[in-house]
Amino acid sequence: MESAVAARILSSMKDERKKAAKAYAIRLAKL
């Protein structure tokens, strides 16, 4: 439950997540 609530909070930080994605540029690896 804690992680689910935290995930929704993080989801609301869309602009910050965009900046972090650009800053780290870690490419998701296909499994």
PDB file of all heavy atoms in Angstrom:
ATOM      1  N   MET A   1       0.836  -1.205   0.000  1.00  0.00           N
ATOM      2  CA  MET A   1       0.000   0.000   0.000  1.00  0.00           C
ATOM      3  C   MET A   1       0.870   1.255   0.000  1.00  0.00           C
ATOM      4  O   MET A   1       0.596   2.216  -0.725  1.00  0.00           O
ATOM      5  CB  MET A   1      -0.919   0.015   1.233  1.00  0.00           C
ATOM      6  CG  MET A   1      -1.941  -1.095   1.294  1.00  0.00           C
ATOM      7  SD  MET A   1      -2.993  -0.885   2.762  1.00  0.00           S
ATOM      8  CE  MET A   1      -3.553  -2.561   2.997  1.00  0.00           C
ATOM      9  N   GLU A   2       1.912   1.241   0.833  1.00  0.00           N
ATOM     10  CA  GLU A   2       2.810   2.397   0.908  1.00  0.00           C
ATOM     11  C   GLU A   2       3.438   2.693  -0.449  1.00  0.00           C
ATOM     12  O   GLU A   2       3.500   3.851  -0.886  1.00  0.00           O
ATOM     13  CB  GLU A   2       3.909   2.128   1.944  1.00  0.00           C
ATOM     14  CG  GLU A   2       3.422   2.079   3.376  1.00  0.00           C
ATOM     15  CD  GLU A   2       4.492   1.560   4.325  1.00  0.00           C
ATOM     16  OE1 GLU A   2       5.659   1.447   3.906  1.00  0.00           O
ATOM     17  OE2 GLU A   2       4.165   1.264   5.487  1.00  0.00           O
ATOM     18  N   SER A   3       3.901   1.652  -1.111  1.00  0.00           N
ATOM     19  CA  SER A   3       4.560   1.851  -2.405  1.00  0.00           C
ATOM     20  C   SER A   3       3.568   2.318  -3.461  1.00  0.00           C
ATOM     21  O   SER A   3       3.912   3.111  -4.343  1.00  0.00           O
ATOM     22  CB  SER A   3       5.254   0.561  -2.857  1.00  0.00           C
ATOM     23  OG  SER A   3       4.310  -0.477  -3.042  1.00  0.00           O
ATOM     24  N   ALA A   4       2.321   1.856  -3.365  1.00  0.00           N
ATOM     25  CA  ALA A   4       1.303   2.267  -4.328  1.00  0.00           C
ATOM     26  C   ALA A   4       0.954   3.737  -4.164  1.00  0.00           C
ATOM     27  O   ALA A   4       0.801   4.465  -5.150  1.00  0.00           O
ATOM     28  CB  ALA A   4       0.055   1.407  -4.165  1.00  0.00           C
ATOM     29  N   VAL A   5       0.832   4.184  -2.912  1.00  0.00           N
ATOM     30  CA  VAL A   5       0.560   5.607  -2.657  1.00  0.00           C
ATOM     31  C   VAL A   5       1.742   6.447  -3.128  1.00  0.00           C
ATOM     32  O   VAL A   5       1.565   7.485  -3.786  1.00  0.00           O
ATOM     33  CB  VAL A   5       0.275   5.852  -1.160  1.00  0.00           C
ATOM     34  CG1 VAL A   5       0.206   7.350  -0.860  1.00  0.00           C
ATOM     35  CG2 VAL A   5      -1.031   5.174  -0.750  1.00  0.00           C
ATOM     36  N   ALA A   6       2.965   6.002  -2.814  1.00  0.00           N
ATOM     37  CA  ALA A   6       4.160   6.738  -3.247  1.00  0.00           C
ATOM     38  C   ALA A   6       4.253   6.800  -4.767  1.00  0.00           C
ATOM     39  O   ALA A   6       4.647   7.828  -5.337  1.00  0.00           O
ATOM     40  CB  ALA A   6       5.407   6.074  -2.668  1.00  0.00           C
ATOM     41  N   ALA A   7       3.869   5.717  -5.436  1.00  0.00           N
ATOM     42  CA  ALA A   7       3.916   5.682  -6.900  1.00  0.00           C
ATOM     43  C   ALA A   7       2.955   6.702  -7.495  1.00  0.00           C
ATOM     44  O   ALA A   7       3.257   7.358  -8.502  1.00  0.00           O
ATOM     45  CB  ALA A   7       3.587   4.276  -7.403  1.00  0.00           C
ATOM     46  N   ARG A   8       1.775   6.852  -6.883  1.00  0.00           N
ATOM     47  CA  ARG A   8       0.825   7.855  -7.386  1.00  0.00           C
ATOM     48  C   ARG A   8       1.371   9.267  -7.169  1.00  0.00           C
ATOM     49  O   ARG A   8       1.180  10.157  -8.012  1.00  0.00           O
ATOM     50  CB  ARG A   8      -0.536   7.695  -6.704  1.00  0.00           C
ATOM     51  CG  ARG A   8      -1.264   6.440  -7.137  1.00  0.00           C
ATOM     52  CD  ARG A   8      -2.763   6.548  -6.921  1.00  0.00           C
ATOM     53  NE  ARG A   8      -3.409   5.255  -7.110  1.00  0.00           N
ATOM     54  CZ  ARG A   8      -4.715   5.082  -7.143  1.00  0.00           C
ATOM     55  NH1 ARG A   8      -5.527   6.129  -6.994  1.00  0.00           N
ATOM     56  NH2 ARG A   8      -5.239   3.878  -7.303  1.00  0.00           N
ATOM     57  N   ILE A   9       2.037   9.472  -6.030  1.00  0.00           N
ATOM     58  CA  ILE A   9       2.633  10.787  -5.773  1.00  0.00           C
ATOM     59  C   ILE A   9       3.709  11.083  -6.820  1.00  0.00           C
ATOM     60  O   ILE A   9       3.758  12.180  -7.388  1.00  0.00           O
ATOM     61  CB  ILE A   9       3.222  10.839  -4.349  1.00  0.00           C
ATOM     62  CG1 ILE A   9       2.098  10.762  -3.305  1.00  0.00           C
ATOM     63  CG2 ILE A   9       4.050  12.114  -4.153  1.00  0.00           C
ATOM     64  CD1 ILE A   9       2.573  10.556  -1.890  1.00  0.00           C
ATOM     65  N   LEU A  10       4.561  10.095  -7.082  1.00  0.00           N
ATOM     66  CA  LEU A  10       5.598  10.272  -8.101  1.00  0.00           C
ATOM     67  C   LEU A  10       5.002  10.486  -9.486  1.00  0.00           C
ATOM     68  O   LEU A  10       5.527  11.262 -10.290  1.00  0.00           O
ATOM     69  CB  LEU A  10       6.533   9.056  -8.122  1.00  0.00           C
ATOM     70  CG  LEU A  10       7.625   9.045  -7.046  1.00  0.00           C
ATOM     71  CD1 LEU A  10       8.234   7.657  -6.920  1.00  0.00           C
ATOM     72  CD2 LEU A  10       8.709  10.057  -7.384  1.00  0.00           C
ATOM     73  N   SER A  11       3.882   9.828  -9.756  1.00  0.00           N
ATOM     74  CA  SER A  11       3.254   9.991 -11.069  1.00  0.00           C
ATOM     75  C   SER A  11       2.784  11.427 -11.282  1.00  0.00           C
ATOM     76  O   SER A  11       2.748  11.922 -12.410  1.00  0.00           O
ATOM     77  CB  SER A  11       2.082   9.015 -11.237  1.00  0.00           C
ATOM     78  OG  SER A  11       0.901   9.487 -10.597  1.00  0.00           O
ATOM     79  N   SER A  12       2.426  12.096 -10.183  1.00  0.00           N
ATOM     80  CA  SER A  12       1.938  13.476 -10.291  1.00  0.00           C
ATOM     81  C   SER A  12       3.066  14.461 -10.601  1.00  0.00           C
ATOM     82  O   SER A  12       2.815  15.591 -11.015  1.00  0.00           O
ATOM     83  CB  SER A  12       1.240  13.895  -8.993  1.00  0.00           C
ATOM     84  OG  SER A  12       2.176  14.060  -7.941  1.00  0.00           O
ATOM     85  N   MET A  13       4.324  14.015 -10.425  1.00  0.00           N
ATOM     86  CA  MET A  13       5.491  14.895 -10.646  1.00  0.00           C
ATOM     87  C   MET A  13       5.980  14.771 -12.086  1.00  0.00           C
ATOM     88  O   MET A  13       7.156  14.514 -12.341  1.00  0.00           O
ATOM     89  CB  MET A  13       6.586  14.527  -9.645  1.00  0.00           C
ATOM     90  CG  MET A  13       6.141  14.688  -8.193  1.00  0.00           C
ATOM     91  SD  MET A  13       7.181  13.782  -6.998  1.00  0.00           S
ATOM     92  CE  MET A  13       8.789  14.501  -7.298  1.00  0.00           C
ATOM     93  N   LYS A  14       5.078  14.919 -13.026  1.00  0.00           N
ATOM     94  CA  LYS A  14       5.372  14.678 -14.440  1.00  0.00           C
ATOM     95  C   LYS A  14       6.511  15.549 -14.952  1.00  0.00           C
ATOM     96  O   LYS A  14       7.427  15.048 -15.619  1.00  0.00           O
ATOM     97  CB  LYS A  14       4.112  14.921 -15.269  1.00  0.00           C
ATOM     98  CG  LYS A  14       4.286  14.693 -16.773  1.00  0.00           C
ATOM     99  CD  LYS A  14       4.511  13.232 -17.117  1.00  0.00           C
ATOM    100  CE  LYS A  14       4.490  13.009 -18.614  1.00  0.00           C
ATOM    101  NZ  LYS A  14       4.738  11.587 -18.961  1.00  0.00           N
ATOM    102  N   ASP A  15       6.490  16.842 -14.667  1.00  0.00           N
ATOM    103  CA  ASP A  15       7.528  17.745 -15.172  1.00  0.00           C
ATOM    104  C   ASP A  15       8.902  17.384 -14.620  1.00  0.00           C
ATOM    105  O   ASP A  15       9.902  17.389 -15.349  1.00  0.00           O
ATOM    106  CB  ASP A  15       7.184  19.197 -14.835  1.00  0.00           C
ATOM    107  CG  ASP A  15       5.957  19.687 -15.599  1.00  0.00           C
ATOM    108  OD1 ASP A  15       5.638  19.087 -16.645  1.00  0.00           O
ATOM    109  OD2 ASP A  15       5.318  20.658 -15.140  1.00  0.00           O
ATOM    110  N   GLU A  16       8.959  17.060 -13.321  1.00  0.00           N
ATOM    111  CA  GLU A  16      10.234  16.670 -12.717  1.00  0.00           C
ATOM    112  C   GLU A  16      10.746  15.370 -13.320  1.00  0.00           C
ATOM    113  O   GLU A  16      11.954  15.201 -13.551  1.00  0.00           O
ATOM    114  CB  GLU A  16      10.085  16.515 -11.202  1.00  0.00           C
ATOM    115  CG  GLU A  16      10.078  17.831 -10.440  1.00  0.00           C
ATOM    116  CD  GLU A  16      10.094  17.603  -8.941  1.00  0.00           C
ATOM    117  OE1 GLU A  16      11.058  16.979  -8.442  1.00  0.00           O
ATOM    118  OE2 GLU A  16       9.140  18.041  -8.274  1.00  0.00           O
ATOM    119  N   ARG A  17       9.826  14.439 -13.565  1.00  0.00           N
ATOM    120  CA  ARG A  17      10.233  13.156 -14.141  1.00  0.00           C
ATOM    121  C   ARG A  17      10.780  13.333 -15.550  1.00  0.00           C
ATOM    122  O   ARG A  17      11.722  12.643 -15.951  1.00  0.00           O
ATOM    123  CB  ARG A  17       9.052  12.175 -14.136  1.00  0.00           C
ATOM    124  CG  ARG A  17       8.697  11.685 -12.742  1.00  0.00           C
ATOM    125  CD  ARG A  17       7.685  10.548 -12.747  1.00  0.00           C
ATOM    126  NE  ARG A  17       6.354  10.985 -13.147  1.00  0.00           N
ATOM    127  CZ  ARG A  17       5.716  10.572 -14.225  1.00  0.00           C
ATOM    128  NH1 ARG A  17       6.293   9.706 -15.062  1.00  0.00           N
ATOM    129  NH2 ARG A  17       4.498  11.003 -14.501  1.00  0.00           N
ATOM    130  N   LYS A  18      10.222  14.272 -16.286  1.00  0.00           N
ATOM    131  CA  LYS A  18      10.744  14.560 -17.630  1.00  0.00           C
ATOM    132  C   LYS A  18      12.177  15.086 -17.543  1.00  0.00           C
ATOM    133  O   LYS A  18      13.052  14.682 -18.326  1.00  0.00           O
ATOM    134  CB  LYS A  18       9.860  15.591 -18.325  1.00  0.00           C
ATOM    135  CG  LYS A  18       8.566  15.043 -18.887  1.00  0.00           C
ATOM    136  CD  LYS A  18       7.811  16.169 -19.600  1.00  0.00           C
ATOM    137  CE  LYS A  18       6.534  15.663 -20.249  1.00  0.00           C
ATOM    138  NZ  LYS A  18       5.797  16.768 -20.919  1.00  0.00           N
ATOM    139  N   LYS A  19      12.418  15.975 -16.582  1.00  0.00           N
ATOM    140  CA  LYS A  19      13.767  16.529 -16.402  1.00  0.00           C
ATOM    141  C   LYS A  19      14.756  15.446 -15.976  1.00  0.00           C
ATOM    142  O   LYS A  19      15.894  15.402 -16.449  1.00  0.00           O
ATOM    143  CB  LYS A  19      13.738  17.647 -15.364  1.00  0.00           C
ATOM    144  CG  LYS A  19      13.014  18.912 -15.820  1.00  0.00           C
ATOM    145  CD  LYS A  19      12.935  19.935 -14.697  1.00  0.00           C
ATOM    146  CE  LYS A  19      12.145  21.167 -15.146  1.00  0.00           C
ATOM    147  NZ  LYS A  19      11.992  22.156 -14.046  1.00  0.00           N
ATOM    148  N   ALA A  20      14.301  14.568 -15.070  1.00  0.00           N
ATOM    149  CA  ALA A  20      15.177  13.493 -14.597  1.00  0.00           C
ATOM    150  C   ALA A  20      15.494  12.514 -15.720  1.00  0.00           C
ATOM    151  O   ALA A  20      16.634  12.026 -15.844  1.00  0.00           O
ATOM    152  CB  ALA A  20      14.524  12.764 -13.428  1.00  0.00           C
ATOM    153  N   ALA A  21      14.493  12.236 -16.557  1.00  0.00           N
ATOM    154  CA  ALA A  21      14.710  11.328 -17.690  1.00  0.00           C
ATOM    155  C   ALA A  21      15.767  11.898 -18.631  1.00  0.00           C
ATOM    156  O   ALA A  21      16.632  11.163 -19.144  1.00  0.00           O
ATOM    157  CB  ALA A  21      13.402  11.106 -18.438  1.00  0.00           C
ATOM    158  N   LYS A  22      15.706  13.199 -18.846  1.00  0.00           N
ATOM    159  CA  LYS A  22      16.678  13.857 -19.719  1.00  0.00           C
ATOM    160  C   LYS A  22      18.050  13.922 -19.064  1.00  0.00           C
ATOM    161  O   LYS A  22      19.079  13.733 -19.723  1.00  0.00           O
ATOM    162  CB  LYS A  22      16.180  15.270 -20.059  1.00  0.00           C
ATOM    163  CG  LYS A  22      17.001  15.983 -21.100  1.00  0.00           C
ATOM    164  CD  LYS A  22      16.375  17.326 -21.470  1.00  0.00           C
ATOM    165  CE  LYS A  22      17.202  18.045 -22.542  1.00  0.00           C
ATOM    166  NZ  LYS A  22      16.598  19.362 -22.895  1.00  0.00           N
ATOM    167  N   ALA A  23      18.070  14.169 -17.756  1.00  0.00           N
ATOM    168  CA  ALA A  23      19.340  14.303 -17.037  1.00  0.00           C
ATOM    169  C   ALA A  23      20.113  12.994 -16.985  1.00  0.00           C
ATOM    170  O   ALA A  23      21.346  12.984 -17.104  1.00  0.00           O
ATOM    171  CB  ALA A  23      19.088  14.808 -15.620  1.00  0.00           C
ATOM    172  N   TYR A  24      19.411  11.881 -16.819  1.00  0.00           N
ATOM    173  CA  TYR A  24      20.086  10.600 -16.687  1.00  0.00           C
ATOM    174  C   TYR A  24      20.179   9.832 -17.999  1.00  0.00           C
ATOM    175  O   TYR A  24      21.131   9.077 -18.204  1.00  0.00           O
ATOM    176  CB  TYR A  24      19.383   9.742 -15.624  1.00  0.00           C
ATOM    177  CG  TYR A  24      19.662  10.225 -14.228  1.00  0.00           C
ATOM    178  CD1 TYR A  24      18.757  11.045 -13.562  1.00  0.00           C
ATOM    179  CD2 TYR A  24      20.836   9.895 -13.577  1.00  0.00           C
ATOM    180  CE1 TYR A  24      19.009  11.514 -12.279  1.00  0.00           C
ATOM    181  CE2 TYR A  24      21.110  10.351 -12.303  1.00  0.00           C
ATOM    182  CZ  TYR A  24      20.191  11.168 -11.655  1.00  0.00           C
ATOM    183  OH  TYR A  24      20.456  11.631 -10.401  1.00  0.00           O
ATOM    184  N   ALA A  25      19.216   9.999 -18.843  1.00  0.00           N
ATOM    185  CA  ALA A  25      19.224   9.367 -20.166  1.00  0.00           C
ATOM    186  C   ALA A  25      19.591   7.881 -20.100  1.00  0.00           C
ATOM    187  O   ALA A  25      20.391   7.381 -20.904  1.00  0.00           O
ATOM    188  CB  ALA A  25      20.189  10.104 -21.094  1.00  0.00           C
ATOM    189  N   ILE A  26      19.041   7.182 -19.102  1.00  0.00           N
ATOM    190  CA  ILE A  26      19.276   5.741 -18.987  1.00  0.00           C
ATOM    191  C   ILE A  26      18.284   5.025 -19.895  1.00  0.00           C
ATOM    192  O   ILE A  26      17.075   5.139 -19.724  1.00  0.00           O
ATOM    193  CB  ILE A  26      19.106   5.259 -17.535  1.00  0.00           C
ATOM    194  CG1 ILE A  26      20.150   5.922 -16.635  1.00  0.00           C
ATOM    195  CG2 ILE A  26      19.213   3.726 -17.453  1.00  0.00           C
ATOM    196  CD1 ILE A  26      19.989   5.605 -15.167  1.00  0.00           C
ATOM    197  N   ARG A  27      18.817   4.311 -20.838  1.00  0.00           N
ATOM    198  CA  ARG A  27      17.967   3.647 -21.807  1.00  0.00           C
ATOM    199  C   ARG A  27      17.412   2.351 -21.226  1.00  0.00           C
ATOM    200  O   ARG A  27      18.158   1.529 -20.691  1.00  0.00           O
ATOM    201  CB  ARG A  27      18.773   3.353 -23.078  1.00  0.00           C
ATOM    202  CG  ARG A  27      17.928   2.893 -24.251  1.00  0.00           C
ATOM    203  CD  ARG A  27      18.785   2.801 -25.498  1.00  0.00           C
ATOM    204  NE  ARG A  27      17.997   2.375 -26.647  1.00  0.00           N
ATOM    205  CZ  ARG A  27      18.492   2.224 -27.860  1.00  0.00           C
ATOM    206  NH1 ARG A  27      19.791   2.468 -28.089  1.00  0.00           N
ATOM    207  NH2 ARG A  27      17.718   1.835 -28.853  1.00  0.00           N
ATOM    208  N   LEU A  28      16.104   2.187 -21.314  1.00  0.00           N
ATOM    209  CA  LEU A  28      15.494   0.953 -20.838  1.00  0.00           C
ATOM    210  C   LEU A  28      15.916  -0.210 -21.715  1.00  0.00           C
ATOM    211  O   LEU A  28      15.886  -0.120 -22.944  1.00  0.00           O
ATOM    212  CB  LEU A  28      13.966   1.065 -20.840  1.00  0.00           C
ATOM    213  CG  LEU A  28      13.349   2.114 -19.904  1.00  0.00           C
ATOM    214  CD1 LEU A  28      11.832   2.117 -20.055  1.00  0.00           C
ATOM    215  CD2 LEU A  28      13.733   1.863 -18.461  1.00  0.00           C
ATOM    216  N   ALA A  29      16.324  -1.282 -21.071  1.00  0.00           N
ATOM    217  CA  ALA A  29      16.786  -2.452 -21.815  1.00  0.00           C
ATOM    218  C   ALA A  29      15.630  -3.429 -22.012  1.00  0.00           C
ATOM    219  O   ALA A  29      14.886  -3.716 -21.082  1.00  0.00           O
ATOM    220  CB  ALA A  29      17.920  -3.139 -21.062  1.00  0.00           C
ATOM    221  N   LYS A  30      15.487  -3.903 -23.226  1.00  0.00           N
ATOM    222  CA  LYS A  30      14.489  -4.950 -23.478  1.00  0.00           C
ATOM    223  C   LYS A  30      14.931  -6.218 -22.761  1.00  0.00           C
ATOM    224  O   LYS A  30      16.119  -6.560 -22.715  1.00  0.00           O
ATOM    225  CB  LYS A  30      14.362  -5.212 -24.986  1.00  0.00           C
ATOM    226  CG  LYS A  30      13.686  -4.071 -25.750  1.00  0.00           C
ATOM    227  CD  LYS A  30      12.200  -4.002 -25.416  1.00  0.00           C
ATOM    228  CE  LYS A  30      11.467  -2.978 -26.265  1.00  0.00           C
ATOM    229  NZ  LYS A  30      11.802  -1.595 -25.939  1.00  0.00           N
ATOM    230  N   LEU A  31      13.973  -6.904 -22.159  1.00  0.00           N
ATOM    231  CA  LEU A  31      14.299  -8.112 -21.415  1.00  0.00           C
ATOM    232  C   LEU A  31      14.704  -9.232 -22.367  1.00  0.00           C
ATOM    233  O   LEU A  31      14.153  -9.364 -23.457  1.00  0.00           O
ATOM    234  CB  LEU A  31      13.091  -8.548 -20.584  1.00  0.00           C
ATOM    235  CG  LEU A  31      12.537  -7.501 -19.597  1.00  0.00           C
ATOM    236  CD1 LEU A  31      11.400  -8.114 -18.780  1.00  0.00           C
ATOM    237  CD2 LEU A  31      13.617  -6.957 -18.679  1.00  0.00           C
TER     238      LEU A  31
END
